[in-house]
């Protein structure tokens, strides 16, 4: 008994056979590539194992005690507030941001701590002039002038900004009195 509906379905089976053959070829190519990669990895590992290691000195622990002393010696003995204010005025005259106000609060140095002067500076200008003024000021005194906070708000004109800047000037710790005095 012949079934004509099965005969019609058989000729459509050849695309499946072709897809299976392509998949088998792709799997064989992947296996060959994996085998070559594994061989070259083994060859590289053998070369690395045979290569002499350079003589390396044992790592030295950093001297933690020396760094704060060197940093503290690089600071001025007293915080130079007047130098920072003069620099701000010079930058203002050179086209920088306008200095609105400067307030200072000093905390004296002790033998165990750095001296600090907290400056609250108000600047007015466009973004570029405020940025260039602060950049020039911080570049002028990189070791002992720190910017703690900067906040910007819009001024009266569309491009006008008002900047509130908290700066800290550092100074050396106070000298330890000599014994017997």
C-alpha atoms as a PDB file:
ATOM      1  CA  UNK A   1       0.000   0.000   0.000  1.00  0.00           C
ATOM      2  CA  UNK A   2       1.461   3.235  -1.178  1.00  0.00           C
ATOM      3  CA  UNK A   3       0.843   6.420   0.679  1.00  0.00           C
ATOM      4  CA  UNK A   4       1.150   9.379  -1.668  1.00  0.00           C
ATOM      5  CA  UNK A   5       1.285  11.913   1.189  1.00  0.00           C
ATOM      6  CA  UNK A   6       4.568  10.357   2.479  1.00  0.00           C
ATOM      7  CA  UNK A   7       6.182  10.462  -0.955  1.00  0.00           C
ATOM      8  CA  UNK A   8       5.512  14.182  -1.173  1.00  0.00           C
ATOM      9  CA  UNK A   9       7.172  14.788   2.217  1.00  0.00           C
ATOM     10  CA  UNK A  10      10.434  12.969   1.402  1.00  0.00           C
ATOM     11  CA  UNK A  11      11.881  15.400  -1.158  1.00  0.00           C
ATOM     12  CA  UNK A  12      11.697  18.182   1.475  1.00  0.00           C
ATOM     13  CA  UNK A  13      14.069  16.257   3.795  1.00  0.00           C
ATOM     14  CA  UNK A  14      17.226  17.243   1.852  1.00  0.00           C
ATOM     15  CA  UNK A  15      17.504  20.755   3.478  1.00  0.00           C
ATOM     16  CA  UNK A  16      17.682  19.082   6.881  1.00  0.00           C
ATOM     17  CA  UNK A  17      20.434  16.795   5.708  1.00  0.00           C
ATOM     18  CA  UNK A  18      22.388  19.756   4.303  1.00  0.00           C
ATOM     19  CA  UNK A  19      21.989  21.690   7.579  1.00  0.00           C
ATOM     20  CA  UNK A  20      23.237  18.691   9.558  1.00  0.00           C
ATOM     21  CA  UNK A  21      26.257  18.348   7.246  1.00  0.00           C
ATOM     22  CA  UNK A  22      27.129  22.062   7.661  1.00  0.00           C
ATOM     23  CA  UNK A  23      26.777  21.777  11.450  1.00  0.00           C
ATOM     24  CA  UNK A  24      29.062  18.716  11.480  1.00  0.00           C
ATOM     25  CA  UNK A  25      31.676  20.581   9.412  1.00  0.00           C
ATOM     26  CA  UNK A  26      31.475  23.591  11.760  1.00  0.00           C
ATOM     27  CA  UNK A  27      31.914  21.351  14.801  1.00  0.00           C
ATOM     28  CA  UNK A  28      34.946  19.673  13.192  1.00  0.00           C
ATOM     29  CA  UNK A  29      36.495  23.081  12.398  1.00  0.00           C
ATOM     30  CA  UNK A  30      35.915  24.269  15.982  1.00  0.00           C
ATOM     31  CA  UNK A  31      37.545  21.114  17.338  1.00  0.00           C
ATOM     32  CA  UNK A  32      40.578  21.591  15.059  1.00  0.00           C
ATOM     33  CA  UNK A  33      40.928  25.263  16.103  1.00  0.00           C
ATOM     34  CA  UNK A  34      40.638  24.298  19.788  1.00  0.00           C
ATOM     35  CA  UNK A  35      43.315  21.636  19.345  1.00  0.00           C
ATOM     36  CA  UNK A  36      45.707  24.135  17.695  1.00  0.00           C
ATOM     37  CA  UNK A  37      45.073  26.731  20.391  1.00  0.00           C
ATOM     38  CA  UNK A  38      45.739  24.147  23.091  1.00  0.00           C
ATOM     39  CA  UNK A  39      49.025  23.144  21.412  1.00  0.00           C
ATOM     40  CA  UNK A  40      50.237  26.751  21.113  1.00  0.00           C
ATOM     41  CA  UNK A  41      49.243  27.429  24.735  1.00  0.00           C
ATOM     42  CA  UNK A  42      51.311  24.448  25.851  1.00  0.00           C
ATOM     43  CA  UNK A  43      54.262  25.679  23.769  1.00  0.00           C
ATOM     44  CA  UNK A  44      54.034  29.192  25.322  1.00  0.00           C
ATOM     45  CA  UNK A  45      53.802  27.747  28.828  1.00  0.00           C
ATOM     46  CA  UNK A  46      56.910  25.644  28.191  1.00  0.00           C
ATOM     47  CA  UNK A  47      58.808  28.720  26.954  1.00  0.00           C
ATOM     48  CA  UNK A  48      57.794  30.696  30.020  1.00  0.00           C
ATOM     49  CA  UNK A  49      58.863  27.905  32.337  1.00  0.00           C
ATOM     50  CA  UNK A  50      62.257  27.680  30.608  1.00  0.00           C
ATOM     51  CA  UNK A  51      62.880  31.471  30.631  1.00  0.00           C
ATOM     52  CA  UNK A  52      65.090  32.697  33.478  1.00  0.00           C
ATOM     53  CA  UNK A  53      63.424  35.031  35.939  1.00  0.00           C
ATOM     54  CA  UNK A  54      65.018  38.458  36.399  1.00  0.00           C
ATOM     55  CA  UNK A  55      66.679  39.045  39.733  1.00  0.00           C
ATOM     56  CA  UNK A  56      64.260  41.081  41.776  1.00  0.00           C
ATOM     57  CA  UNK A  57      65.080  42.723  45.044  1.00  0.00           C
ATOM     58  CA  UNK A  58      62.700  41.858  47.844  1.00  0.00           C
ATOM     59  CA  UNK A  59      59.994  44.470  48.309  1.00  0.00           C
ATOM     60  CA  UNK A  60      60.860  47.072  50.881  1.00  0.00           C
ATOM     61  CA  UNK A  61      58.202  48.367  53.221  1.00  0.00           C
ATOM     62  CA  UNK A  62      57.766  52.140  52.869  1.00  0.00           C
ATOM     63  CA  UNK A  63      59.057  54.233  55.718  1.00  0.00           C
ATOM     64  CA  UNK A  64      55.803  55.612  57.050  1.00  0.00           C
ATOM     65  CA  UNK A  65      57.526  57.784  59.654  1.00  0.00           C
ATOM     66  CA  UNK A  66      59.602  59.692  57.068  1.00  0.00           C
ATOM     67  CA  UNK A  67      56.759  60.882  54.851  1.00  0.00           C
ATOM     68  CA  UNK A  68      54.878  63.067  57.367  1.00  0.00           C
ATOM     69  CA  UNK A  69      58.130  64.639  58.566  1.00  0.00           C
ATOM     70  CA  UNK A  70      59.164  65.528  54.994  1.00  0.00           C
ATOM     71  CA  UNK A  71      55.725  66.891  54.228  1.00  0.00           C
ATOM     72  CA  UNK A  72      55.619  68.926  57.419  1.00  0.00           C
ATOM     73  CA  UNK A  73      59.072  70.382  56.692  1.00  0.00           C
ATOM     74  CA  UNK A  74      57.880  71.530  53.278  1.00  0.00           C
ATOM     75  CA  UNK A  75      55.132  73.657  54.863  1.00  0.00           C
ATOM     76  CA  UNK A  76      55.691  77.281  55.870  1.00  0.00           C
ATOM     77  CA  UNK A  77      56.167  78.037  59.578  1.00  0.00           C
ATOM     78  CA  UNK A  78      53.091  80.276  59.605  1.00  0.00           C
ATOM     79  CA  UNK A  79      50.168  80.378  57.219  1.00  0.00           C
ATOM     80  CA  UNK A  80      50.607  83.284  54.813  1.00  0.00           C
ATOM     81  CA  UNK A  81      47.043  84.566  54.566  1.00  0.00           C
ATOM     82  CA  UNK A  82      48.193  87.944  53.257  1.00  0.00           C
ATOM     83  CA  UNK A  83      50.085  86.270  50.371  1.00  0.00           C
ATOM     84  CA  UNK A  84      46.974  84.330  49.347  1.00  0.00           C
ATOM     85  CA  UNK A  85      44.783  87.459  49.503  1.00  0.00           C
ATOM     86  CA  UNK A  86      47.344  89.460  47.477  1.00  0.00           C
ATOM     87  CA  UNK A  87      47.411  86.666  44.899  1.00  0.00           C
ATOM     88  CA  UNK A  88      43.586  86.713  44.699  1.00  0.00           C
ATOM     89  CA  UNK A  89      43.680  90.484  44.143  1.00  0.00           C
ATOM     90  CA  UNK A  90      46.370  90.125  41.484  1.00  0.00           C
ATOM     91  CA  UNK A  91      44.318  87.459  39.686  1.00  0.00           C
ATOM     92  CA  UNK A  92      41.234  89.673  39.885  1.00  0.00           C
ATOM     93  CA  UNK A  93      43.173  92.503  38.215  1.00  0.00           C
ATOM     94  CA  UNK A  94      44.370  90.110  35.509  1.00  0.00           C
ATOM     95  CA  UNK A  95      40.816  89.400  34.368  1.00  0.00           C
ATOM     96  CA  UNK A  96      39.930  86.740  36.885  1.00  0.00           C
ATOM     97  CA  UNK A  97      36.833  86.476  39.024  1.00  0.00           C
ATOM     98  CA  UNK A  98      35.936  89.388  41.294  1.00  0.00           C
ATOM     99  CA  UNK A  99      36.724  88.834  44.970  1.00  0.00           C
ATOM    100  CA  UNK A 100      33.616  89.751  46.984  1.00  0.00           C
ATOM    101  CA  UNK A 101      34.812  88.798  50.464  1.00  0.00           C
ATOM    102  CA  UNK A 102      37.447  86.840  52.375  1.00  0.00           C
ATOM    103  CA  UNK A 103      36.944  85.611  55.947  1.00  0.00           C
ATOM    104  CA  UNK A 104      39.656  83.816  57.920  1.00  0.00           C
ATOM    105  CA  UNK A 105      39.585  81.614  61.027  1.00  0.00           C
ATOM    106  CA  UNK A 106      42.919  80.452  62.446  1.00  0.00           C
ATOM    107  CA  UNK A 107      43.706  77.276  64.364  1.00  0.00           C
ATOM    108  CA  UNK A 108      47.218  77.373  65.790  1.00  0.00           C
ATOM    109  CA  UNK A 109      49.682  74.575  65.299  1.00  0.00           C
ATOM    110  CA  UNK A 110      50.626  72.253  68.135  1.00  0.00           C
ATOM    111  CA  UNK A 111      53.617  69.901  68.288  1.00  0.00           C
ATOM    112  CA  UNK A 112      51.292  67.057  67.221  1.00  0.00           C
ATOM    113  CA  UNK A 113      49.165  68.824  64.577  1.00  0.00           C
ATOM    114  CA  UNK A 114      49.486  71.149  61.648  1.00  0.00           C
ATOM    115  CA  UNK A 115      48.424  74.754  61.896  1.00  0.00           C
ATOM    116  CA  UNK A 116      45.392  75.709  59.823  1.00  0.00           C
ATOM    117  CA  UNK A 117      43.765  78.848  58.576  1.00  0.00           C
ATOM    118  CA  UNK A 118      40.294  78.310  57.179  1.00  0.00           C
ATOM    119  CA  UNK A 119      39.440  80.853  54.461  1.00  0.00           C
ATOM    120  CA  UNK A 120      35.899  81.467  53.266  1.00  0.00           C
ATOM    121  CA  UNK A 121      36.184  83.231  49.910  1.00  0.00           C
ATOM    122  CA  UNK A 122      33.288  84.629  47.872  1.00  0.00           C
ATOM    123  CA  UNK A 123      33.968  85.100  44.136  1.00  0.00           C
ATOM    124  CA  UNK A 124      31.781  86.507  41.370  1.00  0.00           C
ATOM    125  CA  UNK A 125      32.209  86.044  37.624  1.00  0.00           C
ATOM    126  CA  UNK A 126      31.532  83.669  34.792  1.00  0.00           C
ATOM    127  CA  UNK A 127      32.452  79.994  35.084  1.00  0.00           C
ATOM    128  CA  UNK A 128      35.674  80.306  33.083  1.00  0.00           C
ATOM    129  CA  UNK A 129      37.028  83.198  35.159  1.00  0.00           C
ATOM    130  CA  UNK A 130      36.167  81.496  38.484  1.00  0.00           C
ATOM    131  CA  UNK A 131      37.793  78.275  37.297  1.00  0.00           C
ATOM    132  CA  UNK A 132      40.952  80.008  36.050  1.00  0.00           C
ATOM    133  CA  UNK A 133      41.257  82.082  39.260  1.00  0.00           C
ATOM    134  CA  UNK A 134      40.987  79.025  41.504  1.00  0.00           C
ATOM    135  CA  UNK A 135      43.283  76.972  39.279  1.00  0.00           C
ATOM    136  CA  UNK A 136      45.978  79.676  39.275  1.00  0.00           C
ATOM    137  CA  UNK A 137      45.676  80.138  43.036  1.00  0.00           C
ATOM    138  CA  UNK A 138      45.946  76.406  43.791  1.00  0.00           C
ATOM    139  CA  UNK A 139      48.819  76.010  41.301  1.00  0.00           C
ATOM    140  CA  UNK A 140      50.686  78.877  42.984  1.00  0.00           C
ATOM    141  CA  UNK A 141      50.619  77.195  46.420  1.00  0.00           C
ATOM    142  CA  UNK A 142      50.274  73.460  45.704  1.00  0.00           C
ATOM    143  CA  UNK A 143      51.787  72.138  48.947  1.00  0.00           C
ATOM    144  CA  UNK A 144      49.925  74.095  51.572  1.00  0.00           C
ATOM    145  CA  UNK A 145      46.707  75.488  50.077  1.00  0.00           C
ATOM    146  CA  UNK A 146      43.780  73.067  49.871  1.00  0.00           C
ATOM    147  CA  UNK A 147      40.289  73.573  48.471  1.00  0.00           C
ATOM    148  CA  UNK A 148      37.817  71.925  50.834  1.00  0.00           C
ATOM    149  CA  UNK A 149      34.503  72.937  49.254  1.00  0.00           C
ATOM    150  CA  UNK A 150      33.230  74.796  46.211  1.00  0.00           C
ATOM    151  CA  UNK A 151      29.628  75.720  45.615  1.00  0.00           C
ATOM    152  CA  UNK A 152      28.303  77.688  42.677  1.00  0.00           C
ATOM    153  CA  UNK A 153      25.014  79.492  42.272  1.00  0.00           C
ATOM    154  CA  UNK A 154      23.594  81.762  39.608  1.00  0.00           C
ATOM    155  CA  UNK A 155      24.128  85.465  39.925  1.00  0.00           C
ATOM    156  CA  UNK A 156      22.103  88.354  38.545  1.00  0.00           C
ATOM    157  CA  UNK A 157      23.124  88.025  34.880  1.00  0.00           C
ATOM    158  CA  UNK A 158      22.552  84.812  32.900  1.00  0.00           C
ATOM    159  CA  UNK A 159      26.288  83.963  32.691  1.00  0.00           C
ATOM    160  CA  UNK A 160      27.151  85.394  36.114  1.00  0.00           C
ATOM    161  CA  UNK A 161      27.942  82.963  38.942  1.00  0.00           C
ATOM    162  CA  UNK A 162      28.681  83.386  42.614  1.00  0.00           C
ATOM    163  CA  UNK A 163      31.185  80.952  44.092  1.00  0.00           C
ATOM    164  CA  UNK A 164      31.604  80.096  47.761  1.00  0.00           C
ATOM    165  CA  UNK A 165      35.002  78.510  48.286  1.00  0.00           C
ATOM    166  CA  UNK A 166      36.358  76.994  51.497  1.00  0.00           C
ATOM    167  CA  UNK A 167      40.162  76.991  51.439  1.00  0.00           C
ATOM    168  CA  UNK A 168      42.582  75.697  54.056  1.00  0.00           C
ATOM    169  CA  UNK A 169      46.129  76.977  54.475  1.00  0.00           C
ATOM    170  CA  UNK A 170      48.461  74.599  56.273  1.00  0.00           C
ATOM    171  CA  UNK A 171      51.526  75.429  58.367  1.00  0.00           C
ATOM    172  CA  UNK A 172      54.191  73.389  60.166  1.00  0.00           C
ATOM    173  CA  UNK A 173      53.550  71.866  63.558  1.00  0.00           C
ATOM    174  CA  UNK A 174      54.804  73.984  66.441  1.00  0.00           C
ATOM    175  CA  UNK A 175      58.367  73.327  67.482  1.00  0.00           C
ATOM    176  CA  UNK A 176      58.754  71.018  70.440  1.00  0.00           C
ATOM    177  CA  UNK A 177      60.398  72.933  73.305  1.00  0.00           C
ATOM    178  CA  UNK A 178      63.872  71.769  74.203  1.00  0.00           C
ATOM    179  CA  UNK A 179      64.246  69.667  77.344  1.00  0.00           C
ATOM    180  CA  UNK A 180      65.284  71.569  80.500  1.00  0.00           C
ATOM    181  CA  UNK A 181      63.858  74.952  79.532  1.00  0.00           C
END
